[in-house]
Amino acid sequence: MAENKTKPGKSSVTAFVNGIEDRERRSDVKKVAAMMRAATGSRAKMWGTSIMGFGSYHYRYDSGREGDFMITGLSPRKQALTVYIMPGFSRFEGLMKKLGKYKTGKSCLYIRRLADVDEKVLNRLIVDAVKYMRKHYETK
């Protein structure tokens, strides 16, 4: 059975954040990370080489595959700040309408700049997604 490629590592989150050259992007990352830390009560860990993850949950699919993954996280990609909303977005339709300018993937919220979205709405989205994950999964 295939294993998750993205796993928590021992790299320094502080060094990773301080290595973000763009000052605005670094500031955005710190603000979103603070939201995630408050929502999860967990400190960030590096997942792979470029994702800051907060907390973890255990998943088990009907196929038998199982593993652990972050409850929420973010990555300062070149094109956009990627925010991981693990339950996806369909259950948060009301918040998504109020959020501002963004794009989404299955569980990825892409924001070019934090100024493009309403920070209070983003925080609520993160908090609600974490609550959903804790209700439906075994979390740490």
Protein backbone atom coordinates (compact mmCIF):
# COMPACT_ATOMS: atom_id res chain seq x y z
CA MET A 1 0.00 0.00 0.00
CA ALA A 2 1.34 3.45 -0.94
CA GLU A 3 2.46 5.76 1.84
CA ASN A 4 1.83 9.48 2.11
CA LYS A 5 4.73 11.38 0.56
CA THR A 6 4.10 14.45 2.69
CA LYS A 7 5.08 13.72 6.28
CA PRO A 8 6.12 15.80 9.26
CA GLY A 9 9.84 16.41 9.45
CA LYS A 10 12.40 17.94 11.75
CA SER A 11 13.13 21.10 9.72
CA SER A 12 12.88 24.42 11.53
CA VAL A 13 9.63 26.28 10.93
CA THR A 14 11.27 29.51 12.09
CA ALA A 15 14.12 29.13 9.60
CA PHE A 16 11.61 28.33 6.85
CA VAL A 17 9.51 31.43 7.57
CA ASN A 18 12.59 33.66 7.95
CA GLY A 19 13.81 32.35 4.59
CA ILE A 20 10.79 33.80 2.76
CA GLU A 21 12.39 36.66 0.86
CA ASP A 22 9.29 38.69 0.05
CA ARG A 23 8.50 40.75 3.15
CA GLU A 24 4.74 40.95 2.44
CA ARG A 25 4.52 37.18 1.87
CA ARG A 26 6.48 36.53 5.08
CA SER A 27 4.10 38.82 7.01
CA ASP A 28 1.06 37.09 5.46
CA VAL A 29 2.44 33.67 6.43
CA LYS A 30 2.98 34.77 10.02
CA LYS A 31 -0.59 36.11 10.28
CA VAL A 32 -2.20 32.99 8.84
CA ALA A 33 0.07 30.76 10.95
CA ALA A 34 -1.10 32.62 14.07
CA MET A 35 -4.73 31.94 13.08
CA MET A 36 -3.96 28.25 12.61
CA ARG A 37 -2.07 27.95 15.88
CA ALA A 38 -4.97 29.56 17.75
CA ALA A 39 -7.52 27.31 16.00
CA THR A 40 -5.62 24.07 16.63
CA GLY A 41 -3.72 24.82 19.83
CA SER A 42 -0.72 23.26 18.08
CA ARG A 43 2.63 24.65 17.05
CA ALA A 44 3.57 24.41 13.38
CA LYS A 45 5.64 21.53 12.06
CA MET A 46 7.18 21.29 8.64
CA TRP A 47 5.42 18.73 6.44
CA GLY A 48 7.78 17.99 3.61
CA THR A 49 10.02 20.90 2.65
CA SER A 50 7.49 23.67 2.05
CA ILE A 51 4.30 23.11 4.07
CA MET A 52 3.69 24.31 7.61
CA GLY A 53 1.16 21.96 9.20
CA PHE A 54 -0.80 22.33 12.42
CA GLY A 55 -2.08 19.38 14.43
CA SER A 56 -2.76 16.02 12.85
CA TYR A 57 -5.60 13.63 12.19
CA HIS A 58 -5.82 9.96 11.38
CA TYR A 59 -7.72 8.90 8.28
CA ARG A 60 -8.86 5.47 7.20
CA TYR A 61 -10.38 4.84 3.76
CA ASP A 62 -12.75 2.03 2.81
CA SER A 63 -9.92 0.67 0.64
CA GLY A 64 -7.91 -0.01 3.79
CA ARG A 65 -5.43 2.80 3.24
CA GLU A 66 -4.82 4.85 6.34
CA GLY A 67 -2.40 7.40 7.67
CA ASP A 68 -1.92 10.72 9.39
CA PHE A 69 -2.02 14.21 7.93
CA MET A 70 -2.15 17.81 9.19
CA ILE A 71 -5.48 19.22 10.34
CA THR A 72 -4.71 22.50 8.58
CA GLY A 73 -1.65 24.13 7.10
CA LEU A 74 -0.17 26.63 4.68
CA SER A 75 2.55 26.99 2.13
CA PRO A 76 3.98 30.21 0.68
CA ARG A 77 4.08 29.11 -2.96
CA LYS A 78 5.44 31.46 -5.61
CA GLN A 79 2.07 32.20 -7.27
CA ALA A 80 -0.10 32.22 -4.15
CA LEU A 81 -0.30 31.51 -0.47
CA THR A 82 -1.81 28.03 -0.25
CA VAL A 83 -4.06 27.41 2.75
CA TYR A 84 -5.06 23.80 3.40
CA ILE A 85 -8.71 23.46 4.40
CA MET A 86 -8.89 19.69 4.77
CA PRO A 87 -12.69 19.21 4.71
CA GLY A 88 -12.89 21.10 1.40
CA PHE A 89 -15.18 24.05 0.77
CA SER A 90 -18.70 22.82 0.01
CA ARG A 91 -19.83 22.98 3.65
CA PHE A 92 -18.51 26.54 4.01
CA GLU A 93 -20.39 28.15 1.12
CA GLY A 94 -21.58 31.15 3.16
CA LEU A 95 -18.07 32.00 4.30
CA MET A 96 -16.63 31.52 0.82
CA LYS A 97 -19.04 34.12 -0.58
CA LYS A 98 -17.74 36.67 1.95
CA LEU A 99 -14.04 35.78 1.73
CA GLY A 100 -12.87 37.96 -1.15
CA LYS A 101 -10.55 37.16 -4.06
CA TYR A 102 -9.27 33.56 -4.15
CA LYS A 103 -9.16 30.29 -6.09
CA THR A 104 -9.65 26.77 -4.79
CA GLY A 105 -8.60 23.21 -5.46
CA LYS A 106 -10.03 20.19 -3.63
CA SER A 107 -8.71 21.23 -0.21
CA CYS A 108 -6.46 24.13 -1.23
CA LEU A 109 -7.36 27.78 -0.94
CA TYR A 110 -5.10 29.94 -3.12
CA ILE A 111 -4.69 33.57 -2.07
CA ARG A 112 -2.28 35.86 -3.92
CA ARG A 113 -2.08 38.29 -0.98
CA LEU A 114 -3.74 38.28 2.41
CA ALA A 115 -5.01 41.80 1.61
CA ASP A 116 -7.19 40.20 -1.12
CA VAL A 117 -9.41 38.49 1.48
CA ASP A 118 -11.29 39.40 4.63
CA GLU A 119 -9.00 38.18 7.43
CA LYS A 120 -11.89 37.69 9.88
CA VAL A 121 -13.70 35.47 7.37
CA LEU A 122 -10.50 33.52 6.69
CA ASN A 123 -10.01 33.01 10.41
CA ARG A 124 -13.61 31.78 10.79
CA LEU A 125 -13.07 29.37 7.86
CA ILE A 126 -9.95 27.95 9.51
CA VAL A 127 -11.66 27.64 12.91
CA ASP A 128 -14.74 25.96 11.43
CA ALA A 129 -12.64 23.57 9.32
CA VAL A 130 -10.61 22.55 12.39
CA LYS A 131 -13.82 21.97 14.37
CA TYR A 132 -15.15 19.79 11.55
CA MET A 133 -11.95 17.74 11.45
CA ARG A 134 -12.01 17.21 15.22
CA LYS A 135 -15.65 16.12 15.11
CA HIS A 136 -15.17 13.62 12.26
CA TYR A 137 -11.62 12.30 12.77
CA GLU A 138 -9.27 11.10 15.46
CA THR A 139 -7.05 14.16 16.00
CA LYS A 140 -3.90 15.09 17.90
